[in-house]
Amino acid sequence: MVQNVVSKTTLDLLKSGIPIRIKDGETYLAKPADIAIVHRPQDYCKQAHDEREKYPHTWLLITLTEGKHRQVRKMVLAARHRCLRLIRISMAGVELGDLQPGDVEELDEKIFCELTGINL
């Protein structure tokens, strides 16, 4: 969830790639694999609600192919929006599903490798 309403122009800027600062002040062109405005965030994550929703905001669904340190937060800040809430719903092909915040589910190594495409 980001502060204020994201315009189509800003969404297009994020889609095309936006420069962010990474390690040692180096600039990196952060380009998501996919980004979209989400009108019903609870369809993706039951915990997708926030007390600050009474203020102007936008929920975004961002898919990355690689992640730099705090990349999503830096991307939306470079687009003049502040990241208020960040919820990971999947990682490397592993869907978190109904896993609750703070919960841990151990995966068998073979299953994990199959889900993430890692060859042993």
N, C-alpha and C. Protein backbone atom coordinates (compact mmCIF):
# COMPACT_ATOMS: atom_id res chain seq x y z
N MET A 1 0.85 -1.16 0.00
CA MET A 1 0.00 0.00 0.00
C MET A 1 0.91 1.23 0.00
N VAL A 2 0.65 2.14 -0.91
CA VAL A 2 1.42 3.37 -0.98
C VAL A 2 0.53 4.57 -0.68
N GLN A 3 1.17 5.60 -0.19
CA GLN A 3 0.46 6.83 0.15
C GLN A 3 0.00 7.53 -1.12
N ASN A 4 -1.19 8.04 -1.11
CA ASN A 4 -1.82 8.79 -2.19
C ASN A 4 -2.22 7.89 -3.37
N VAL A 5 -2.95 8.48 -4.29
CA VAL A 5 -3.46 7.75 -5.45
C VAL A 5 -2.40 7.74 -6.53
N VAL A 6 -2.08 6.56 -7.04
CA VAL A 6 -1.09 6.41 -8.10
C VAL A 6 -1.76 6.68 -9.44
N SER A 7 -1.24 7.61 -10.20
CA SER A 7 -1.80 7.96 -11.50
C SER A 7 -1.32 6.97 -12.56
N LYS A 8 -1.96 6.99 -13.73
CA LYS A 8 -1.55 6.15 -14.84
C LYS A 8 -0.13 6.53 -15.28
N THR A 9 0.18 7.81 -15.25
CA THR A 9 1.52 8.28 -15.63
C THR A 9 2.58 7.69 -14.70
N THR A 10 2.31 7.72 -13.41
CA THR A 10 3.25 7.16 -12.44
C THR A 10 3.36 5.65 -12.59
N LEU A 11 2.25 4.99 -12.83
CA LEU A 11 2.26 3.55 -13.04
C LEU A 11 3.09 3.20 -14.27
N ASP A 12 2.94 3.97 -15.34
CA ASP A 12 3.73 3.74 -16.56
C ASP A 12 5.22 3.98 -16.30
N LEU A 13 5.54 4.99 -15.48
CA LEU A 13 6.93 5.26 -15.12
C LEU A 13 7.53 4.07 -14.37
N LEU A 14 6.79 3.54 -13.42
CA LEU A 14 7.26 2.38 -12.67
C LEU A 14 7.43 1.16 -13.57
N LYS A 15 6.50 0.99 -14.52
CA LYS A 15 6.56 -0.15 -15.44
C LYS A 15 7.79 -0.07 -16.35
N SER A 16 8.11 1.14 -16.79
CA SER A 16 9.21 1.30 -17.74
C SER A 16 10.58 1.25 -17.07
N GLY A 17 10.60 1.44 -15.77
CA GLY A 17 11.86 1.40 -15.03
C GLY A 17 12.17 2.75 -14.43
N ILE A 18 12.58 2.74 -13.19
CA ILE A 18 12.86 3.98 -12.47
C ILE A 18 14.21 3.84 -11.77
N PRO A 19 15.08 4.85 -11.88
CA PRO A 19 16.40 4.75 -11.25
C PRO A 19 16.29 4.83 -9.72
N ILE A 20 16.99 3.93 -9.04
CA ILE A 20 17.06 3.96 -7.58
C ILE A 20 18.52 3.85 -7.17
N ARG A 21 18.82 4.29 -5.96
CA ARG A 21 20.17 4.18 -5.41
C ARG A 21 20.34 2.82 -4.74
N ILE A 22 21.46 2.18 -5.03
CA ILE A 22 21.77 0.92 -4.36
C ILE A 22 23.13 1.05 -3.68
N LYS A 23 23.78 -0.04 -3.41
CA LYS A 23 25.04 -0.07 -2.67
C LYS A 23 26.06 0.95 -3.17
N ASP A 24 26.69 1.64 -2.23
CA ASP A 24 27.74 2.62 -2.51
C ASP A 24 27.28 3.77 -3.41
N GLY A 25 25.99 4.10 -3.37
CA GLY A 25 25.47 5.22 -4.14
C GLY A 25 25.30 4.97 -5.62
N GLU A 26 25.53 3.72 -6.02
CA GLU A 26 25.37 3.36 -7.43
C GLU A 26 23.90 3.44 -7.82
N THR A 27 23.62 3.83 -9.07
CA THR A 27 22.25 3.91 -9.56
C THR A 27 21.89 2.63 -10.31
N TYR A 28 20.70 2.16 -10.08
CA TYR A 28 20.20 0.93 -10.70
C TYR A 28 18.85 1.23 -11.32
N LEU A 29 18.61 0.78 -12.55
CA LEU A 29 17.31 0.96 -13.18
C LEU A 29 16.40 -0.17 -12.73
N ALA A 30 15.53 0.13 -11.79
CA ALA A 30 14.62 -0.87 -11.22
C ALA A 30 13.41 -1.02 -12.12
N LYS A 31 13.26 -2.19 -12.67
CA LYS A 31 12.15 -2.46 -13.57
C LYS A 31 11.43 -3.73 -13.11
N PRO A 32 10.17 -3.60 -12.73
CA PRO A 32 9.44 -4.78 -12.30
C PRO A 32 9.07 -5.66 -13.48
N ALA A 33 8.88 -6.95 -13.21
CA ALA A 33 8.39 -7.85 -14.25
C ALA A 33 6.93 -7.52 -14.54
N ASP A 34 6.23 -7.07 -13.52
CA ASP A 34 4.82 -6.72 -13.67
C ASP A 34 4.42 -5.80 -12.51
N ILE A 35 3.52 -4.89 -12.79
CA ILE A 35 2.98 -4.01 -11.74
C ILE A 35 1.56 -3.63 -12.12
N ALA A 36 0.68 -3.65 -11.14
CA ALA A 36 -0.72 -3.31 -11.40
C ALA A 36 -1.34 -2.71 -10.14
N ILE A 37 -2.35 -1.88 -10.34
CA ILE A 37 -3.13 -1.36 -9.23
C ILE A 37 -4.13 -2.43 -8.83
N VAL A 38 -4.26 -2.65 -7.53
CA VAL A 38 -5.17 -3.68 -7.01
C VAL A 38 -6.33 -2.98 -6.31
N HIS A 39 -7.54 -3.27 -6.75
CA HIS A 39 -8.72 -2.63 -6.17
C HIS A 39 -9.30 -3.44 -5.01
N ARG A 40 -9.03 -4.75 -4.99
CA ARG A 40 -9.50 -5.61 -3.90
C ARG A 40 -8.31 -6.41 -3.36
N PRO A 41 -7.47 -5.77 -2.54
CA PRO A 41 -6.26 -6.43 -2.07
C PRO A 41 -6.53 -7.69 -1.24
N GLN A 42 -7.69 -7.78 -0.60
CA GLN A 42 -8.01 -8.96 0.20
C GLN A 42 -8.13 -10.21 -0.66
N ASP A 43 -8.32 -10.05 -1.97
CA ASP A 43 -8.35 -11.21 -2.87
C ASP A 43 -6.98 -11.86 -2.97
N TYR A 44 -5.93 -11.11 -2.69
CA TYR A 44 -4.55 -11.61 -2.76
C TYR A 44 -4.02 -12.02 -1.39
N CYS A 45 -4.45 -11.30 -0.37
CA CYS A 45 -3.92 -11.54 0.97
C CYS A 45 -4.95 -11.09 2.00
N LYS A 46 -5.35 -11.99 2.88
CA LYS A 46 -6.36 -11.66 3.89
C LYS A 46 -5.90 -10.55 4.83
N GLN A 47 -4.58 -10.41 5.01
CA GLN A 47 -4.05 -9.39 5.90
C GLN A 47 -3.89 -8.03 5.21
N ALA A 48 -4.38 -7.90 4.01
CA ALA A 48 -4.23 -6.66 3.24
C ALA A 48 -5.27 -5.63 3.68
N HIS A 49 -5.07 -5.11 4.86
CA HIS A 49 -5.89 -4.01 5.36
C HIS A 49 -5.01 -3.18 6.27
N ASP A 50 -5.34 -1.93 6.45
CA ASP A 50 -4.50 -1.05 7.23
C ASP A 50 -5.37 0.10 7.74
N GLU A 51 -5.12 0.53 8.95
CA GLU A 51 -5.90 1.64 9.52
C GLU A 51 -5.76 2.91 8.70
N ARG A 52 -4.64 3.05 7.99
CA ARG A 52 -4.41 4.27 7.21
C ARG A 52 -5.18 4.28 5.89
N GLU A 53 -5.99 3.26 5.65
CA GLU A 53 -6.78 3.23 4.41
C GLU A 53 -7.82 4.34 4.35
N LYS A 54 -8.07 5.00 5.46
CA LYS A 54 -9.02 6.11 5.44
C LYS A 54 -8.42 7.33 4.72
N TYR A 55 -7.11 7.33 4.55
CA TYR A 55 -6.43 8.41 3.81
C TYR A 55 -6.20 7.96 2.37
N PRO A 56 -5.99 8.91 1.44
CA PRO A 56 -5.76 8.53 0.05
C PRO A 56 -4.57 7.56 -0.06
N HIS A 57 -4.79 6.46 -0.77
CA HIS A 57 -3.77 5.42 -0.89
C HIS A 57 -4.03 4.59 -2.14
N THR A 58 -3.09 3.74 -2.49
CA THR A 58 -3.24 2.80 -3.60
C THR A 58 -2.55 1.50 -3.21
N TRP A 59 -3.21 0.39 -3.47
CA TRP A 59 -2.58 -0.92 -3.30
C TRP A 59 -1.99 -1.30 -4.65
N LEU A 60 -0.73 -1.74 -4.65
CA LEU A 60 -0.05 -2.16 -5.87
C LEU A 60 0.34 -3.63 -5.74
N LEU A 61 0.29 -4.34 -6.84
CA LEU A 61 0.79 -5.71 -6.92
C LEU A 61 2.03 -5.65 -7.81
N ILE A 62 3.20 -5.87 -7.21
CA ILE A 62 4.46 -5.74 -7.92
C ILE A 62 5.16 -7.09 -7.96
N THR A 63 5.56 -7.51 -9.15
CA THR A 63 6.31 -8.75 -9.32
C THR A 63 7.72 -8.39 -9.76
N LEU A 64 8.69 -8.89 -9.02
CA LEU A 64 10.10 -8.65 -9.35
C LEU A 64 10.74 -9.95 -9.82
N THR A 65 11.74 -9.84 -10.69
CA THR A 65 12.51 -11.02 -11.08
C THR A 65 13.79 -11.10 -10.26
N GLU A 66 14.20 -9.99 -9.70
CA GLU A 66 15.31 -9.95 -8.77
C GLU A 66 15.02 -8.81 -7.82
N GLY A 67 15.55 -8.89 -6.63
CA GLY A 67 15.27 -7.84 -5.67
C GLY A 67 16.53 -7.26 -5.07
N LYS A 68 16.68 -5.97 -5.20
CA LYS A 68 17.77 -5.26 -4.54
C LYS A 68 17.28 -4.89 -3.14
N HIS A 69 18.19 -4.49 -2.27
CA HIS A 69 17.85 -4.13 -0.89
C HIS A 69 16.78 -3.04 -0.87
N ARG A 70 15.63 -3.35 -0.30
CA ARG A 70 14.50 -2.41 -0.16
C ARG A 70 14.04 -1.84 -1.51
N GLN A 71 14.14 -2.64 -2.56
CA GLN A 71 13.86 -2.17 -3.91
C GLN A 71 12.45 -1.61 -4.08
N VAL A 72 11.45 -2.30 -3.60
CA VAL A 72 10.07 -1.83 -3.79
C VAL A 72 9.88 -0.48 -3.10
N ARG A 73 10.36 -0.37 -1.88
CA ARG A 73 10.23 0.90 -1.15
C ARG A 73 10.94 2.04 -1.89
N LYS A 74 12.14 1.75 -2.42
CA LYS A 74 12.90 2.77 -3.15
C LYS A 74 12.22 3.14 -4.46
N MET A 75 11.63 2.16 -5.14
CA MET A 75 10.95 2.43 -6.41
C MET A 75 9.78 3.38 -6.22
N VAL A 76 8.92 3.07 -5.26
CA VAL A 76 7.73 3.92 -5.09
C VAL A 76 8.11 5.28 -4.53
N LEU A 77 9.18 5.34 -3.72
CA LEU A 77 9.64 6.64 -3.22
C LEU A 77 10.19 7.49 -4.36
N ALA A 78 10.91 6.87 -5.30
CA ALA A 78 11.42 7.60 -6.46
C ALA A 78 10.28 8.12 -7.34
N ALA A 79 9.12 7.45 -7.26
CA ALA A 79 7.94 7.89 -8.00
C ALA A 79 7.07 8.84 -7.17
N ARG A 80 7.62 9.31 -6.05
CA ARG A 80 6.98 10.29 -5.17
C ARG A 80 5.77 9.74 -4.41
N HIS A 81 5.88 8.48 -4.02
CA HIS A 81 4.89 7.86 -3.15
C HIS A 81 5.64 7.19 -2.01
N ARG A 82 5.03 7.11 -0.86
CA ARG A 82 5.66 6.48 0.29
C ARG A 82 5.04 5.11 0.50
N CYS A 83 5.87 4.10 0.65
CA CYS A 83 5.39 2.75 0.90
C CYS A 83 4.91 2.69 2.35
N LEU A 84 3.62 2.41 2.53
CA LEU A 84 3.05 2.33 3.87
C LEU A 84 2.97 0.89 4.37
N ARG A 85 2.76 -0.04 3.46
CA ARG A 85 2.58 -1.44 3.84
C ARG A 85 3.13 -2.31 2.72
N LEU A 86 3.92 -3.30 3.09
CA LEU A 86 4.51 -4.21 2.12
C LEU A 86 4.20 -5.63 2.57
N ILE A 87 3.56 -6.39 1.70
CA ILE A 87 3.18 -7.77 2.02
C ILE A 87 3.72 -8.68 0.93
N ARG A 88 4.55 -9.64 1.32
CA ARG A 88 5.06 -10.62 0.36
C ARG A 88 4.02 -11.75 0.26
N ILE A 89 3.61 -12.07 -0.98
CA ILE A 89 2.64 -13.15 -1.16
C ILE A 89 3.26 -14.38 -1.81
N SER A 90 4.45 -14.23 -2.37
CA SER A 90 5.17 -15.37 -2.92
C SER A 90 6.64 -15.02 -3.06
N MET A 91 7.45 -16.08 -3.20
CA MET A 91 8.87 -15.87 -3.38
C MET A 91 9.44 -17.05 -4.17
N ALA A 92 10.07 -16.74 -5.29
CA ALA A 92 10.73 -17.76 -6.12
C ALA A 92 9.80 -18.93 -6.45
N GLY A 93 8.55 -18.62 -6.79
CA GLY A 93 7.62 -19.67 -7.18
C GLY A 93 6.90 -20.34 -6.04
N VAL A 94 7.21 -19.98 -4.81
CA VAL A 94 6.56 -20.56 -3.64
C VAL A 94 5.49 -19.59 -3.16
N GLU A 95 4.23 -20.02 -3.29
CA GLU A 95 3.10 -19.20 -2.84
C GLU A 95 2.94 -19.34 -1.33
N LEU A 96 2.73 -18.22 -0.64
CA LEU A 96 2.58 -18.28 0.81
C LEU A 96 1.17 -18.69 1.22
N GLY A 97 0.20 -18.52 0.33
CA GLY A 97 -1.17 -18.98 0.60
C GLY A 97 -1.73 -18.42 1.89
N ASP A 98 -2.23 -19.30 2.76
CA ASP A 98 -2.87 -18.89 4.01
C ASP A 98 -1.89 -18.81 5.19
N LEU A 99 -0.59 -18.87 4.93
CA LEU A 99 0.40 -18.77 5.99
C LEU A 99 0.26 -17.42 6.67
N GLN A 100 0.08 -17.43 7.97
CA GLN A 100 -0.15 -16.21 8.74
C GLN A 100 1.17 -15.52 9.09
N PRO A 101 1.15 -14.20 9.29
CA PRO A 101 2.37 -13.49 9.69
C PRO A 101 2.98 -14.13 10.93
N GLY A 102 4.27 -14.38 10.88
CA GLY A 102 4.98 -14.99 12.01
C GLY A 102 5.00 -16.50 11.99
N ASP A 103 4.13 -17.12 11.17
CA ASP A 103 4.09 -18.58 11.08
C ASP A 103 5.21 -19.08 10.18
N VAL A 104 5.62 -20.31 10.42
CA VAL A 104 6.68 -20.94 9.64
C VAL A 104 6.18 -22.30 9.17
N GLU A 105 6.42 -22.60 7.91
CA GLU A 105 6.09 -23.93 7.39
C GLU A 105 7.34 -24.48 6.72
N GLU A 106 7.84 -25.57 7.26
CA GLU A 106 9.06 -26.16 6.72
C GLU A 106 8.72 -27.01 5.50
N LEU A 107 9.49 -26.82 4.44
CA LEU A 107 9.31 -27.59 3.21
C LEU A 107 10.43 -28.60 3.07
N ASP A 108 10.08 -29.76 2.55
CA ASP A 108 11.08 -30.77 2.22
C ASP A 108 12.01 -30.18 1.16
N GLU A 109 13.29 -30.47 1.26
CA GLU A 109 14.29 -29.90 0.35
C GLU A 109 13.95 -30.20 -1.11
N LYS A 110 13.53 -31.41 -1.40
CA LYS A 110 13.20 -31.80 -2.78
C LYS A 110 12.01 -30.98 -3.30
N ILE A 111 10.99 -30.83 -2.49
CA ILE A 111 9.80 -30.06 -2.89
C ILE A 111 10.18 -28.59 -3.10
N PHE A 112 10.99 -28.04 -2.18
CA PHE A 112 11.43 -26.65 -2.31
C PHE A 112 12.18 -26.44 -3.62
N CYS A 113 13.09 -27.35 -3.94
CA CYS A 113 13.86 -27.23 -5.18
C CYS A 113 12.97 -27.32 -6.40
N GLU A 114 11.97 -28.18 -6.37
CA GLU A 114 11.03 -28.30 -7.50
C GLU A 114 10.24 -27.00 -7.67
N LEU A 115 9.75 -26.43 -6.56
CA LEU A 115 8.94 -25.22 -6.62
C LEU A 115 9.74 -24.00 -7.10
N THR A 116 11.01 -23.94 -6.72
CA THR A 116 11.82 -22.77 -7.07
C THR A 116 12.64 -22.97 -8.35
N GLY A 117 12.64 -24.19 -8.87
CA GLY A 117 13.39 -24.44 -10.10
C GLY A 117 14.88 -24.61 -9.89
N ILE A 118 15.27 -24.93 -8.65
CA ILE A 118 16.68 -25.13 -8.33
C ILE A 118 17.05 -26.58 -8.64
N ASN A 119 18.14 -26.75 -9.37
CA ASN A 119 18.63 -28.11 -9.68
C ASN A 119 19.75 -28.46 -8.70
N LEU A 120 19.58 -29.60 -8.06
CA LEU A 120 20.64 -30.07 -7.15
C LEU A 120 21.61 -30.97 -7.85
